[in-house]
Amino acid sequence: MALLIIRLLYAFVCIGATAAFCFSANSAAPEVVLQHQVPAFFVITLLSLSILLIDVLLPRKRVEVISVIYFGLLIGVLLSHLLNLALGPMFNSLGSEGKNFQSGVTMLTLLILPYLCITFMMQTKDQFRFVIPYVEFQRELKGGRPLVLDSSALIDGRIADIIETYVVDSQMVVPQFILQEVQDIADSHDKVRRTRGRRGLDILKKLQQDPKAEVKVVETDAGKGKSVDQRLIEACKQFNGRLVTNDLNLNKLATIQGIQVVNLNDVANALKPRFIPGETVRIRVVKEGEGYNQGVGYLDDGTMVIVEAGSKEIGNEVDTVVTSVLQNSAGRMLFTRLAEARP
C-alpha cells in the first residue's frame, strides 16, 4: 500500500511539474517547447511516467546489482580518462589530424570501458572483496555458513522446531526451484502428496515469520537444465552453504561431491534417548509386522518397535525387552521380544 501511494504521488508530481514547465508564463523552457506546448507536455509526461512501467515490470530489485553498475561505471569512466590522458601527447604530436582521432578514441573508450567493467563486475561480484578489501556486494550473512533447505526438509517440518531451540543462527536459503517443487507437490491430484506439499509451504511461512530465523528465497541459475538434486548441490557450492535434508539418496550424492550435509534424521537420532539390548520398554502393539508373528508399536518420538511374537497382542500395552537396535540416516528401529508370556 505504501509503495502504491508513493507511485501515485510520483505521477501527480510529474504531471504538475511538467505542466508548470510547459505552460507557465515564466517558464525557462526551450523555444521548441513553448511553440508546441501541448505535444511537449504529453511527451515529457510519458517519458517521466515510463519509469513507473519499468518499476512495475522489474519487481525483484537487488541492491548489489545497483552497486555493481555504479562501481563498474565509475571505474570504466576513470580508466577511460586515464587512457585518454596517456594517449594525449601522441595525438598532440599529430596536429589537427590527431585532434580528430583523439575525439573518436575518447568516444570509443567512454563506450567500451564502462560496459566491460560493468559486465565483468556483475560476473565476478562475489570475488570483488579479494580485489578491494572491505568492499563487497553481498550482505554479511548472519551466523556461519548458510543452510540450503531442500523440499524434504521443508515438508518434514522439524527444522522449524530446531529453530525454536536457538541452536541455529545461520541464514537459511531456499532456492526458487525448490519452492516451485513444493508448490507442484501442493497442487498434486494425490491427496497425500497435496497434504505434504501444503505442509511444506506452511513450514516455510512459519520460518519467514519467526524473528529467530533468517530465511531468504533466492533465484539461482546454478545447474540449470540438470535434475533438481544436482541443481541443489550446485546451489550449495554457489552459496558456500550446507545442505539440509532427510533424503538419504540426496545425502549420499551431496557427500560424494564434497557438500556438507545436515541430515535431520541424524540430528533427531543424536538427540533421542539411547536403548541398549536388555533394557525394558513398555509399548502398545498397534498392528502386525511384515515378519511372521511380529507386532509393531511406536515410541512417543515415532521410533518403530518390532515385537517378536507380538501379533497376538495388538491393542495391548506390553513390557518388552530390547534385543537389538537398527539405526542409520533413514531412521531407527528397535527389535524386542515380550518380557513374559501373556495368558
C-alpha atoms as a PDB file:
ATOM      1  CA  MET A   1       0.000   0.000   0.000  1.00  0.00           C
ATOM      2  CA  ALA A   2       2.806   2.416   0.887  1.00  0.00           C
ATOM      3  CA  LEU A   3       4.509   1.657  -2.432  1.00  0.00           C
ATOM      4  CA  LEU A   4       1.249   2.315  -4.307  1.00  0.00           C
ATOM      5  CA  ILE A   5       0.847   5.690  -2.557  1.00  0.00           C
ATOM      6  CA  ILE A   6       4.416   6.656  -3.443  1.00  0.00           C
ATOM      7  CA  ARG A   7       3.815   5.768  -7.100  1.00  0.00           C
ATOM      8  CA  LEU A   8       0.601   7.834  -7.209  1.00  0.00           C
ATOM      9  CA  LEU A   9       2.368  10.807  -5.608  1.00  0.00           C
ATOM     10  CA  TYR A  10       5.171  10.480  -8.141  1.00  0.00           C
ATOM     11  CA  ALA A  11       2.652  10.513 -11.007  1.00  0.00           C
ATOM     12  CA  PHE A  12       0.923  13.650  -9.664  1.00  0.00           C
ATOM     13  CA  VAL A  13       4.244  15.432  -9.108  1.00  0.00           C
ATOM     14  CA  CYS A  14       5.408  14.554 -12.628  1.00  0.00           C
ATOM     15  CA  ILE A  15       2.191  15.874 -14.198  1.00  0.00           C
ATOM     16  CA  GLY A  16       2.271  19.068 -12.107  1.00  0.00           C
ATOM     17  CA  ALA A  17       5.959  19.779 -12.724  1.00  0.00           C
ATOM     18  CA  THR A  18       5.616  19.123 -16.472  1.00  0.00           C
ATOM     19  CA  ALA A  19       2.568  21.390 -16.698  1.00  0.00           C
ATOM     20  CA  ALA A  20       4.447  24.179 -14.910  1.00  0.00           C
ATOM     21  CA  PHE A  21       7.444  23.697 -17.195  1.00  0.00           C
ATOM     22  CA  CYS A  22       5.395  23.790 -20.413  1.00  0.00           C
ATOM     23  CA  PHE A  23       2.590  26.261 -19.662  1.00  0.00           C
ATOM     24  CA  SER A  24       3.979  28.696 -17.077  1.00  0.00           C
ATOM     25  CA  ALA A  25       4.423  32.280 -18.265  1.00  0.00           C
ATOM     26  CA  ASN A  26       7.784  32.499 -16.518  1.00  0.00           C
ATOM     27  CA  SER A  27       8.982  29.139 -17.793  1.00  0.00           C
ATOM     28  CA  ALA A  28      12.597  28.822 -18.912  1.00  0.00           C
ATOM     29  CA  ALA A  29      11.694  26.075 -21.370  1.00  0.00           C
ATOM     30  CA  PRO A  30      13.350  25.963 -24.808  1.00  0.00           C
ATOM     31  CA  GLU A  31      11.650  27.726 -27.680  1.00  0.00           C
ATOM     32  CA  VAL A  32      10.548  24.471 -29.293  1.00  0.00           C
ATOM     33  CA  VAL A  33       8.625  23.558 -26.133  1.00  0.00           C
ATOM     34  CA  LEU A  34       6.937  26.984 -25.925  1.00  0.00           C
ATOM     35  CA  GLN A  35       5.894  26.752 -29.554  1.00  0.00           C
ATOM     36  CA  HIS A  36       4.396  23.251 -29.126  1.00  0.00           C
ATOM     37  CA  GLN A  37       3.225  23.287 -25.533  1.00  0.00           C
ATOM     38  CA  VAL A  38       0.564  20.544 -25.622  1.00  0.00           C
ATOM     39  CA  PRO A  39       2.604  17.936 -27.561  1.00  0.00           C
ATOM     40  CA  ALA A  40       5.635  18.733 -25.423  1.00  0.00           C
ATOM     41  CA  PHE A  41       3.555  18.292 -22.262  1.00  0.00           C
ATOM     42  CA  PHE A  42       2.399  14.813 -23.295  1.00  0.00           C
ATOM     43  CA  VAL A  43       5.855  13.708 -24.490  1.00  0.00           C
ATOM     44  CA  ILE A  44       7.639  14.819 -21.311  1.00  0.00           C
ATOM     45  CA  THR A  45       4.893  13.345 -19.108  1.00  0.00           C
ATOM     46  CA  LEU A  46       5.091   9.992 -20.889  1.00  0.00           C
ATOM     47  CA  LEU A  47       8.865   9.948 -20.562  1.00  0.00           C
ATOM     48  CA  SER A  48       8.725  10.638 -16.824  1.00  0.00           C
ATOM     49  CA  LEU A  49       5.895   8.159 -16.210  1.00  0.00           C
ATOM     50  CA  SER A  50       7.665   5.433 -18.207  1.00  0.00           C
ATOM     51  CA  ILE A  51       9.817   4.938 -15.113  1.00  0.00           C
ATOM     52  CA  LEU A  52       6.698   3.636 -13.356  1.00  0.00           C
ATOM     53  CA  LEU A  53       6.294   0.987 -16.058  1.00  0.00           C
ATOM     54  CA  ILE A  54       9.901  -0.115 -15.659  1.00  0.00           C
ATOM     55  CA  ASP A  55       9.452  -0.204 -11.884  1.00  0.00           C
ATOM     56  CA  VAL A  56       6.372  -2.442 -12.170  1.00  0.00           C
ATOM     57  CA  LEU A  57       7.927  -4.771 -14.765  1.00  0.00           C
ATOM     58  CA  LEU A  58      11.030  -5.297 -12.599  1.00  0.00           C
ATOM     59  CA  PRO A  59       9.578  -6.232  -9.207  1.00  0.00           C
ATOM     60  CA  ARG A  60      12.705  -8.027  -7.970  1.00  0.00           C
ATOM     61  CA  LYS A  61      15.424  -5.457  -7.382  1.00  0.00           C
ATOM     62  CA  ARG A  62      18.711  -6.146  -5.670  1.00  0.00           C
ATOM     63  CA  VAL A  63      20.962  -3.577  -4.048  1.00  0.00           C
ATOM     64  CA  GLU A  64      24.117  -5.435  -5.059  1.00  0.00           C
ATOM     65  CA  VAL A  65      23.182  -5.126  -8.752  1.00  0.00           C
ATOM     66  CA  ILE A  66      22.844  -1.341  -8.445  1.00  0.00           C
ATOM     67  CA  SER A  67      26.151  -1.218  -6.546  1.00  0.00           C
ATOM     68  CA  VAL A  68      27.880  -3.275  -9.233  1.00  0.00           C
ATOM     69  CA  ILE A  69      26.577  -0.999 -12.013  1.00  0.00           C
ATOM     70  CA  TYR A  70      27.641   2.111 -10.105  1.00  0.00           C
ATOM     71  CA  PHE A  71      31.161   0.846  -9.342  1.00  0.00           C
ATOM     72  CA  GLY A  72      31.562  -0.549 -12.857  1.00  0.00           C
ATOM     73  CA  LEU A  73      30.528   2.748 -14.435  1.00  0.00           C
ATOM     74  CA  LEU A  74      32.791   4.716 -12.090  1.00  0.00           C
ATOM     75  CA  ILE A  75      35.836   2.520 -12.740  1.00  0.00           C
ATOM     76  CA  GLY A  76      35.157   2.433 -16.502  1.00  0.00           C
ATOM     77  CA  VAL A  77      34.972   6.225 -16.789  1.00  0.00           C
ATOM     78  CA  LEU A  78      38.106   6.569 -14.644  1.00  0.00           C
ATOM     79  CA  LEU A  79      40.044   4.106 -16.819  1.00  0.00           C
ATOM     80  CA  SER A  80      38.832   5.881 -19.940  1.00  0.00           C
ATOM     81  CA  HIS A  81      40.016   9.250 -18.583  1.00  0.00           C
ATOM     82  CA  LEU A  82      43.412   7.845 -17.623  1.00  0.00           C
ATOM     83  CA  LEU A  83      43.820   6.178 -21.024  1.00  0.00           C
ATOM     84  CA  ASN A  84      42.985   9.405 -22.854  1.00  0.00           C
ATOM     85  CA  LEU A  85      45.459  11.332 -20.678  1.00  0.00           C
ATOM     86  CA  ALA A  86      48.163   8.793 -21.549  1.00  0.00           C
ATOM     87  CA  LEU A  87      47.387   8.978 -25.276  1.00  0.00           C
ATOM     88  CA  GLY A  88      47.051  12.787 -25.293  1.00  0.00           C
ATOM     89  CA  PRO A  89      50.738  13.611 -26.109  1.00  0.00           C
ATOM     90  CA  MET A  90      50.701  11.195 -29.026  1.00  0.00           C
ATOM     91  CA  PHE A  91      47.595  12.828 -30.549  1.00  0.00           C
ATOM     92  CA  ASN A  92      49.001  16.320 -29.943  1.00  0.00           C
ATOM     93  CA  SER A  93      52.107  15.424 -31.911  1.00  0.00           C
ATOM     94  CA  LEU A  94      49.918  14.624 -34.950  1.00  0.00           C
ATOM     95  CA  GLY A  95      48.489  18.148 -35.116  1.00  0.00           C
ATOM     96  CA  SER A  96      44.898  18.826 -36.174  1.00  0.00           C
ATOM     97  CA  GLU A  97      44.500  15.325 -37.581  1.00  0.00           C
ATOM     98  CA  GLY A  98      45.455  13.949 -34.196  1.00  0.00           C
ATOM     99  CA  LYS A  99      42.731  16.001 -32.531  1.00  0.00           C
ATOM    100  CA  ASN A 100      40.144  14.355 -34.769  1.00  0.00           C
ATOM    101  CA  PHE A 101      41.469  10.917 -33.909  1.00  0.00           C
ATOM    102  CA  GLN A 102      41.519  11.809 -30.221  1.00  0.00           C
ATOM    103  CA  SER A 103      37.801  12.692 -30.165  1.00  0.00           C
ATOM    104  CA  GLY A 104      36.954   9.352 -31.786  1.00  0.00           C
ATOM    105  CA  VAL A 105      39.145   7.382 -29.382  1.00  0.00           C
ATOM    106  CA  THR A 106      37.641   9.270 -26.422  1.00  0.00           C
ATOM    107  CA  MET A 107      34.130   8.374 -27.547  1.00  0.00           C
ATOM    108  CA  LEU A 108      35.045   4.690 -28.026  1.00  0.00           C
ATOM    109  CA  THR A 109      36.767   4.381 -24.656  1.00  0.00           C
ATOM    110  CA  LEU A 110      33.809   6.026 -22.884  1.00  0.00           C
ATOM    111  CA  LEU A 111      31.518   3.476 -24.521  1.00  0.00           C
ATOM    112  CA  ILE A 112      33.623   0.331 -24.296  1.00  0.00           C
ATOM    113  CA  LEU A 113      35.428   0.539 -20.941  1.00  0.00           C
ATOM    114  CA  PRO A 114      32.361   1.265 -18.727  1.00  0.00           C
ATOM    115  CA  TYR A 115      30.476  -1.573 -20.431  1.00  0.00           C
ATOM    116  CA  LEU A 116      33.339  -4.028 -19.944  1.00  0.00           C
ATOM    117  CA  CYS A 117      33.791  -3.005 -16.310  1.00  0.00           C
ATOM    118  CA  ILE A 118      30.069  -3.356 -15.541  1.00  0.00           C
ATOM    119  CA  THR A 119      29.722  -6.776 -17.169  1.00  0.00           C
ATOM    120  CA  PHE A 120      32.971  -8.037 -15.672  1.00  0.00           C
ATOM    121  CA  MET A 121      32.000  -6.953 -12.168  1.00  0.00           C
ATOM    122  CA  MET A 122      28.499  -8.413 -12.489  1.00  0.00           C
ATOM    123  CA  GLN A 123      30.049 -11.787 -13.318  1.00  0.00           C
ATOM    124  CA  THR A 124      32.661 -11.607 -10.551  1.00  0.00           C
ATOM    125  CA  LYS A 125      30.880  -9.596  -7.836  1.00  0.00           C
ATOM    126  CA  ASP A 126      31.262 -12.392  -5.289  1.00  0.00           C
ATOM    127  CA  GLN A 127      35.077 -12.232  -5.554  1.00  0.00           C
ATOM    128  CA  PHE A 128      35.345  -8.442  -5.674  1.00  0.00           C
ATOM    129  CA  ARG A 129      36.217  -8.225  -1.984  1.00  0.00           C
ATOM    130  CA  PHE A 130      39.503 -10.005  -2.692  1.00  0.00           C
ATOM    131  CA  VAL A 131      40.481  -7.186  -5.082  1.00  0.00           C
ATOM    132  CA  ILE A 132      39.435  -4.233  -2.903  1.00  0.00           C
ATOM    133  CA  PRO A 133      39.263  -5.199   0.806  1.00  0.00           C
ATOM    134  CA  TYR A 134      36.120  -4.264   2.781  1.00  0.00           C
ATOM    135  CA  VAL A 135      34.112  -3.719  -0.421  1.00  0.00           C
ATOM    136  CA  GLU A 136      31.593  -6.448  -1.214  1.00  0.00           C
ATOM    137  CA  PHE A 137      28.197  -6.557  -2.872  1.00  0.00           C
ATOM    138  CA  GLN A 138      26.593  -9.294  -0.792  1.00  0.00           C
ATOM    139  CA  ARG A 139      25.322  -8.644   2.708  1.00  0.00           C
ATOM    140  CA  GLU A 140      27.302 -10.221   5.511  1.00  0.00           C
ATOM    141  CA  LEU A 141      25.463 -13.398   6.453  1.00  0.00           C
ATOM    142  CA  LYS A 142      24.173 -13.852   9.962  1.00  0.00           C
ATOM    143  CA  GLY A 143      25.980 -16.622  11.835  1.00  0.00           C
ATOM    144  CA  GLY A 144      28.075 -19.156   9.969  1.00  0.00           C
ATOM    145  CA  ARG A 145      27.653 -20.693   6.546  1.00  0.00           C
ATOM    146  CA  PRO A 146      24.086 -20.611   5.215  1.00  0.00           C
ATOM    147  CA  LEU A 147      21.818 -23.639   5.348  1.00  0.00           C
ATOM    148  CA  VAL A 148      20.300 -24.580   1.990  1.00  0.00           C
ATOM    149  CA  LEU A 149      16.917 -26.281   2.531  1.00  0.00           C
ATOM    150  CA  ASP A 150      15.533 -28.894   0.181  1.00  0.00           C
ATOM    151  CA  SER A 151      11.882 -29.857  -0.259  1.00  0.00           C
ATOM    152  CA  SER A 152      12.077 -32.852   2.097  1.00  0.00           C
ATOM    153  CA  ALA A 153      13.402 -30.643   4.921  1.00  0.00           C
ATOM    154  CA  LEU A 154      10.519 -28.206   4.462  1.00  0.00           C
ATOM    155  CA  ILE A 155       7.887 -30.946   4.289  1.00  0.00           C
ATOM    156  CA  ASP A 156       9.408 -32.751   7.286  1.00  0.00           C
ATOM    157  CA  GLY A 157       8.952 -29.622   9.426  1.00  0.00           C
ATOM    158  CA  ARG A 158      11.466 -30.432  12.159  1.00  0.00           C
ATOM    159  CA  ILE A 159      13.717 -27.594  11.028  1.00  0.00           C
ATOM    160  CA  ALA A 160      11.147 -25.166  12.491  1.00  0.00           C
ATOM    161  CA  ASP A 161      11.357 -26.951  15.856  1.00  0.00           C
ATOM    162  CA  ILE A 162      15.162 -26.764  15.757  1.00  0.00           C
ATOM    163  CA  ILE A 163      14.995 -23.003  15.163  1.00  0.00           C
ATOM    164  CA  GLU A 164      12.807 -22.639  18.268  1.00  0.00           C
ATOM    165  CA  THR A 165      15.646 -24.035  20.398  1.00  0.00           C
ATOM    166  CA  TYR A 166      18.034 -21.152  19.424  1.00  0.00           C
ATOM    167  CA  VAL A 167      20.610 -23.758  18.344  1.00  0.00           C
ATOM    168  CA  VAL A 168      20.760 -22.481  14.736  1.00  0.00           C
ATOM    169  CA  ASP A 169      21.555 -18.852  13.926  1.00  0.00           C
ATOM    170  CA  SER A 170      22.743 -19.302  10.332  1.00  0.00           C
ATOM    171  CA  GLN A 171      20.814 -17.856   7.436  1.00  0.00           C
ATOM    172  CA  MET A 172      18.542 -20.347   5.666  1.00  0.00           C
ATOM    173  CA  VAL A 173      18.368 -20.258   1.874  1.00  0.00           C
ATOM    174  CA  VAL A 174      15.521 -21.734  -0.162  1.00  0.00           C
ATOM    175  CA  PRO A 175      16.259 -21.793  -3.931  1.00  0.00           C
ATOM    176  CA  GLN A 176      13.324 -20.717  -6.093  1.00  0.00           C
ATOM    177  CA  PHE A 177      13.205 -24.089  -7.873  1.00  0.00           C
ATOM    178  CA  ILE A 178      12.786 -25.862  -4.504  1.00  0.00           C
ATOM    179  CA  LEU A 179       9.863 -23.581  -3.688  1.00  0.00           C
ATOM    180  CA  GLN A 180       8.406 -24.410  -7.099  1.00  0.00           C
ATOM    181  CA  GLU A 181       8.841 -28.131  -6.409  1.00  0.00           C
ATOM    182  CA  VAL A 182       6.967 -27.842  -3.099  1.00  0.00           C
ATOM    183  CA  GLN A 183       4.253 -25.817  -4.867  1.00  0.00           C
ATOM    184  CA  ASP A 184       3.895 -28.549  -7.506  1.00  0.00           C
ATOM    185  CA  ILE A 185       3.511 -31.146  -4.751  1.00  0.00           C
ATOM    186  CA  ALA A 186       0.871 -28.978  -3.061  1.00  0.00           C
ATOM    187  CA  ASP A 187      -1.040 -28.801  -6.363  1.00  0.00           C
ATOM    188  CA  SER A 188      -0.893 -32.574  -6.894  1.00  0.00           C
ATOM    189  CA  HIS A 189      -4.087 -34.541  -7.523  1.00  0.00           C
ATOM    190  CA  ASP A 190      -2.941 -37.134  -4.986  1.00  0.00           C
ATOM    191  CA  LYS A 191      -4.357 -36.254  -1.574  1.00  0.00           C
ATOM    192  CA  VAL A 192      -1.321 -37.454   0.388  1.00  0.00           C
ATOM    193  CA  ARG A 193       1.144 -35.532  -1.796  1.00  0.00           C
ATOM    194  CA  ARG A 194      -1.073 -32.453  -1.716  1.00  0.00           C
ATOM    195  CA  THR A 195      -1.141 -32.525   2.091  1.00  0.00           C
ATOM    196  CA  ARG A 196       2.645 -32.899   2.269  1.00  0.00           C
ATOM    197  CA  GLY A 197       3.174 -30.003  -0.165  1.00  0.00           C
ATOM    198  CA  ARG A 198       0.879 -27.706   1.796  1.00  0.00           C
ATOM    199  CA  ARG A 199       2.698 -28.630   4.973  1.00  0.00           C
ATOM    200  CA  GLY A 200       5.980 -27.623   3.341  1.00  0.00           C
ATOM    201  CA  LEU A 201       4.558 -24.229   2.352  1.00  0.00           C
ATOM    202  CA  ASP A 202       3.184 -23.724   5.873  1.00  0.00           C
ATOM    203  CA  ILE A 203       6.576 -24.543   7.402  1.00  0.00           C
ATOM    204  CA  LEU A 204       8.311 -22.054   5.089  1.00  0.00           C
ATOM    205  CA  LYS A 205       5.797 -19.359   6.025  1.00  0.00           C
ATOM    206  CA  LYS A 206       6.319 -20.142   9.714  1.00  0.00           C
ATOM    207  CA  LEU A 207      10.086 -19.822   9.308  1.00  0.00           C
ATOM    208  CA  GLN A 208       9.748 -16.488   7.492  1.00  0.00           C
ATOM    209  CA  GLN A 209       7.549 -15.097  10.257  1.00  0.00           C
ATOM    210  CA  ASP A 210       9.811 -16.341  13.053  1.00  0.00           C
ATOM    211  CA  PRO A 211      12.024 -13.478  14.328  1.00  0.00           C
ATOM    212  CA  LYS A 212      14.663 -16.033  15.361  1.00  0.00           C
ATOM    213  CA  ALA A 213      15.067 -17.266  11.776  1.00  0.00           C
ATOM    214  CA  GLU A 214      16.566 -15.538   8.766  1.00  0.00           C
ATOM    215  CA  VAL A 215      15.099 -17.112   5.630  1.00  0.00           C
ATOM    216  CA  LYS A 216      15.674 -15.954   2.061  1.00  0.00           C
ATOM    217  CA  VAL A 217      14.122 -17.330  -1.120  1.00  0.00           C
ATOM    218  CA  VAL A 218      16.661 -16.801  -3.902  1.00  0.00           C
ATOM    219  CA  GLU A 219      16.675 -17.234  -7.647  1.00  0.00           C
ATOM    220  CA  THR A 220      19.666 -19.098  -8.999  1.00  0.00           C
ATOM    221  CA  ASP A 221      20.678 -20.462 -12.390  1.00  0.00           C
ATOM    222  CA  ALA A 222      23.148 -22.897 -10.832  1.00  0.00           C
ATOM    223  CA  GLY A 223      22.943 -26.249 -12.604  1.00  0.00           C
ATOM    224  CA  LYS A 224      20.095 -25.073 -14.830  1.00  0.00           C
ATOM    225  CA  GLY A 225      18.893 -27.903 -17.067  1.00  0.00           C
ATOM    226  CA  LYS A 226      20.046 -30.610 -14.634  1.00  0.00           C
ATOM    227  CA  SER A 227      18.000 -32.629 -12.140  1.00  0.00           C
ATOM    228  CA  VAL A 228      16.630 -30.936  -9.019  1.00  0.00           C
ATOM    229  CA  ASP A 229      19.080 -32.790  -6.764  1.00  0.00           C
ATOM    230  CA  GLN A 230      22.071 -31.749  -8.876  1.00  0.00           C
ATOM    231  CA  ARG A 231      20.827 -28.149  -9.040  1.00  0.00           C
ATOM    232  CA  LEU A 232      20.548 -28.179  -5.247  1.00  0.00           C
ATOM    233  CA  ILE A 233      24.153 -29.339  -4.941  1.00  0.00           C
ATOM    234  CA  GLU A 234      25.297 -26.635  -7.374  1.00  0.00           C
ATOM    235  CA  ALA A 235      23.373 -24.043  -5.316  1.00  0.00           C
ATOM    236  CA  CYS A 236      25.189 -25.207  -2.171  1.00  0.00           C
ATOM    237  CA  LYS A 237      28.507 -24.684  -3.958  1.00  0.00           C
ATOM    238  CA  GLN A 238      27.404 -21.252  -5.187  1.00  0.00           C
ATOM    239  CA  PHE A 239      26.377 -20.035  -1.715  1.00  0.00           C
ATOM    240  CA  ASN A 240      29.117 -21.980   0.111  1.00  0.00           C
ATOM    241  CA  GLY A 241      26.337 -23.486   2.203  1.00  0.00           C
ATOM    242  CA  ARG A 242      25.431 -26.731   3.920  1.00  0.00           C
ATOM    243  CA  LEU A 243      22.573 -28.842   2.642  1.00  0.00           C
ATOM    244  CA  VAL A 244      19.678 -29.599   4.999  1.00  0.00           C
ATOM    245  CA  THR A 245      17.692 -32.690   4.021  1.00  0.00           C
ATOM    246  CA  ASN A 246      16.331 -36.028   5.210  1.00  0.00           C
ATOM    247  CA  ASP A 247      16.560 -37.620   1.760  1.00  0.00           C
ATOM    248  CA  LEU A 248      19.042 -40.482   2.116  1.00  0.00           C
ATOM    249  CA  ASN A 249      19.933 -40.663  -1.600  1.00  0.00           C
ATOM    250  CA  LEU A 250      20.481 -36.906  -1.847  1.00  0.00           C
ATOM    251  CA  ASN A 251      22.573 -37.111   1.315  1.00  0.00           C
ATOM    252  CA  LYS A 252      24.893 -39.675  -0.318  1.00  0.00           C
ATOM    253  CA  LEU A 253      25.062 -37.778  -3.625  1.00  0.00           C
ATOM    254  CA  ALA A 254      25.947 -34.496  -1.926  1.00  0.00           C
ATOM    255  CA  THR A 255      28.551 -36.102   0.340  1.00  0.00           C
ATOM    256  CA  ILE A 256      30.264 -37.692  -2.669  1.00  0.00           C
ATOM    257  CA  GLN A 257      30.558 -34.230  -4.272  1.00  0.00           C
ATOM    258  CA  GLY A 258      32.066 -32.671  -1.148  1.00  0.00           C
ATOM    259  CA  ILE A 259      28.972 -30.895   0.211  1.00  0.00           C
ATOM    260  CA  GLN A 260      28.439 -30.851   3.967  1.00  0.00           C
ATOM    261  CA  VAL A 261      25.000 -32.284   4.776  1.00  0.00           C
ATOM    262  CA  VAL A 262      22.838 -31.718   7.843  1.00  0.00           C
ATOM    263  CA  ASN A 263      20.579 -34.771   7.841  1.00  0.00           C
ATOM    264  CA  LEU A 264      17.528 -34.152  10.026  1.00  0.00           C
ATOM    265  CA  ASN A 265      17.240 -37.849  10.790  1.00  0.00           C
ATOM    266  CA  ASP A 266      20.839 -37.885  12.047  1.00  0.00           C
ATOM    267  CA  VAL A 267      20.136 -34.814  14.191  1.00  0.00           C
ATOM    268  CA  ALA A 268      16.995 -36.453  15.628  1.00  0.00           C
ATOM    269  CA  ASN A 269      18.831 -39.730  16.262  1.00  0.00           C
ATOM    270  CA  ALA A 270      21.621 -37.906  18.060  1.00  0.00           C
ATOM    271  CA  LEU A 271      19.098 -36.375  20.463  1.00  0.00           C
ATOM    272  CA  LYS A 272      16.987 -39.479  21.062  1.00  0.00           C
ATOM    273  CA  PRO A 273      17.433 -41.462  24.277  1.00  0.00           C
ATOM    274  CA  ARG A 274      19.634 -44.485  23.740  1.00  0.00           C
ATOM    275  CA  PHE A 275      18.401 -48.036  24.115  1.00  0.00           C
ATOM    276  CA  ILE A 276      20.722 -50.972  24.632  1.00  0.00           C
ATOM    277  CA  PRO A 277      19.944 -54.687  24.440  1.00  0.00           C
ATOM    278  CA  GLY A 278      18.476 -55.916  27.682  1.00  0.00           C
ATOM    279  CA  GLU A 279      16.566 -52.725  28.547  1.00  0.00           C
ATOM    280  CA  THR A 280      12.837 -52.979  29.167  1.00  0.00           C
ATOM    281  CA  VAL A 281      10.439 -50.894  27.056  1.00  0.00           C
ATOM    282  CA  ARG A 282       6.692 -50.706  27.562  1.00  0.00           C
ATOM    283  CA  ILE A 283       4.924 -50.393  24.231  1.00  0.00           C
ATOM    284  CA  ARG A 284       1.426 -50.606  22.769  1.00  0.00           C
ATOM    285  CA  VAL A 285       1.255 -53.018  19.840  1.00  0.00           C
ATOM    286  CA  VAL A 286      -0.801 -51.328  17.116  1.00  0.00           C
ATOM    287  CA  LYS A 287      -0.523 -53.605  14.079  1.00  0.00           C
ATOM    288  CA  GLU A 288       1.027 -56.728  12.617  1.00  0.00           C
ATOM    289  CA  GLY A 289       4.573 -56.636  11.307  1.00  0.00           C
ATOM    290  CA  GLU A 290       5.900 -57.821   7.977  1.00  0.00           C
ATOM    291  CA  GLY A 291       7.611 -60.835   9.531  1.00  0.00           C
ATOM    292  CA  TYR A 292       5.870 -63.924  10.789  1.00  0.00           C
ATOM    293  CA  ASN A 293       4.052 -63.389  14.117  1.00  0.00           C
ATOM    294  CA  GLN A 294       5.561 -59.925  14.573  1.00  0.00           C
ATOM    295  CA  GLY A 295       3.804 -56.968  16.145  1.00  0.00           C
ATOM    296  CA  VAL A 296       4.610 -53.304  15.599  1.00  0.00           C
ATOM    297  CA  GLY A 297       4.411 -50.397  18.029  1.00  0.00           C
ATOM    298  CA  TYR A 298       5.809 -46.890  18.251  1.00  0.00           C
ATOM    299  CA  LEU A 299       7.551 -44.846  20.908  1.00  0.00           C
ATOM    300  CA  ASP A 300       6.337 -41.310  21.648  1.00  0.00           C
ATOM    301  CA  ASP A 301       9.023 -39.871  19.335  1.00  0.00           C
ATOM    302  CA  GLY A 302       7.853 -42.066  16.428  1.00  0.00           C
ATOM    303  CA  THR A 303      10.534 -44.744  16.666  1.00  0.00           C
ATOM    304  CA  MET A 304       9.237 -48.065  15.295  1.00  0.00           C
ATOM    305  CA  VAL A 305       9.398 -51.037  17.664  1.00  0.00           C
ATOM    306  CA  ILE A 306       9.250 -54.580  16.262  1.00  0.00           C
ATOM    307  CA  VAL A 307       7.915 -57.070  18.825  1.00  0.00           C
ATOM    308  CA  GLU A 308       8.676 -60.736  18.184  1.00  0.00           C
ATOM    309  CA  ALA A 309       5.636 -62.947  18.785  1.00  0.00           C
ATOM    310  CA  GLY A 310       3.633 -59.788  19.348  1.00  0.00           C
ATOM    311  CA  SER A 311       0.934 -60.184  16.690  1.00  0.00           C
ATOM    312  CA  LYS A 312      -1.500 -61.598  19.247  1.00  0.00           C
ATOM    313  CA  GLU A 313      -1.004 -58.537  21.493  1.00  0.00           C
ATOM    314  CA  ILE A 314      -2.417 -55.961  19.045  1.00  0.00           C
ATOM    315  CA  GLY A 315      -4.223 -53.260  21.026  1.00  0.00           C
ATOM    316  CA  ASN A 316      -2.477 -54.155  24.307  1.00  0.00           C
ATOM    317  CA  GLU A 317       0.352 -52.481  26.177  1.00  0.00           C
ATOM    318  CA  VAL A 318       3.120 -54.963  26.881  1.00  0.00           C
ATOM    319  CA  ASP A 319       6.553 -54.964  28.503  1.00  0.00           C
ATOM    320  CA  THR A 320       9.256 -55.867  26.040  1.00  0.00           C
ATOM    321  CA  VAL A 321      12.994 -56.424  26.224  1.00  0.00           C
ATOM    322  CA  VAL A 322      15.261 -54.815  23.630  1.00  0.00           C
ATOM    323  CA  THR A 323      17.197 -57.409  21.650  1.00  0.00           C
ATOM    324  CA  SER A 324      18.858 -55.129  19.032  1.00  0.00           C
ATOM    325  CA  VAL A 325      18.781 -51.596  17.633  1.00  0.00           C
ATOM    326  CA  LEU A 326      18.987 -50.662  13.948  1.00  0.00           C
ATOM    327  CA  GLN A 327      19.969 -47.005  13.431  1.00  0.00           C
ATOM    328  CA  ASN A 328      21.032 -45.148  10.301  1.00  0.00           C
ATOM    329  CA  SER A 329      20.306 -41.929   8.393  1.00  0.00           C
ATOM    330  CA  ALA A 330      16.928 -43.295   7.321  1.00  0.00           C
ATOM    331  CA  GLY A 331      15.792 -43.559  10.958  1.00  0.00           C
ATOM    332  CA  ARG A 332      15.888 -46.045  13.846  1.00  0.00           C
ATOM    333  CA  MET A 333      14.085 -49.261  14.740  1.00  0.00           C
ATOM    334  CA  LEU A 334      14.051 -51.296  17.942  1.00  0.00           C
ATOM    335  CA  PHE A 335      13.767 -55.085  17.856  1.00  0.00           C
ATOM    336  CA  THR A 336      12.280 -56.532  21.026  1.00  0.00           C
ATOM    337  CA  ARG A 337      10.701 -59.644  22.481  1.00  0.00           C
ATOM    338  CA  LEU A 338       7.967 -59.991  25.023  1.00  0.00           C
ATOM    339  CA  ALA A 339       9.274 -59.702  28.559  1.00  0.00           C
ATOM    340  CA  GLU A 340       6.974 -62.506  29.656  1.00  0.00           C
ATOM    341  CA  ALA A 341       4.330 -64.667  28.024  1.00  0.00           C
ATOM    342  CA  ARG A 342       0.762 -63.413  28.474  1.00  0.00           C
ATOM    343  CA  PRO A 343      -2.014 -65.893  29.242  1.00  0.00           C
END
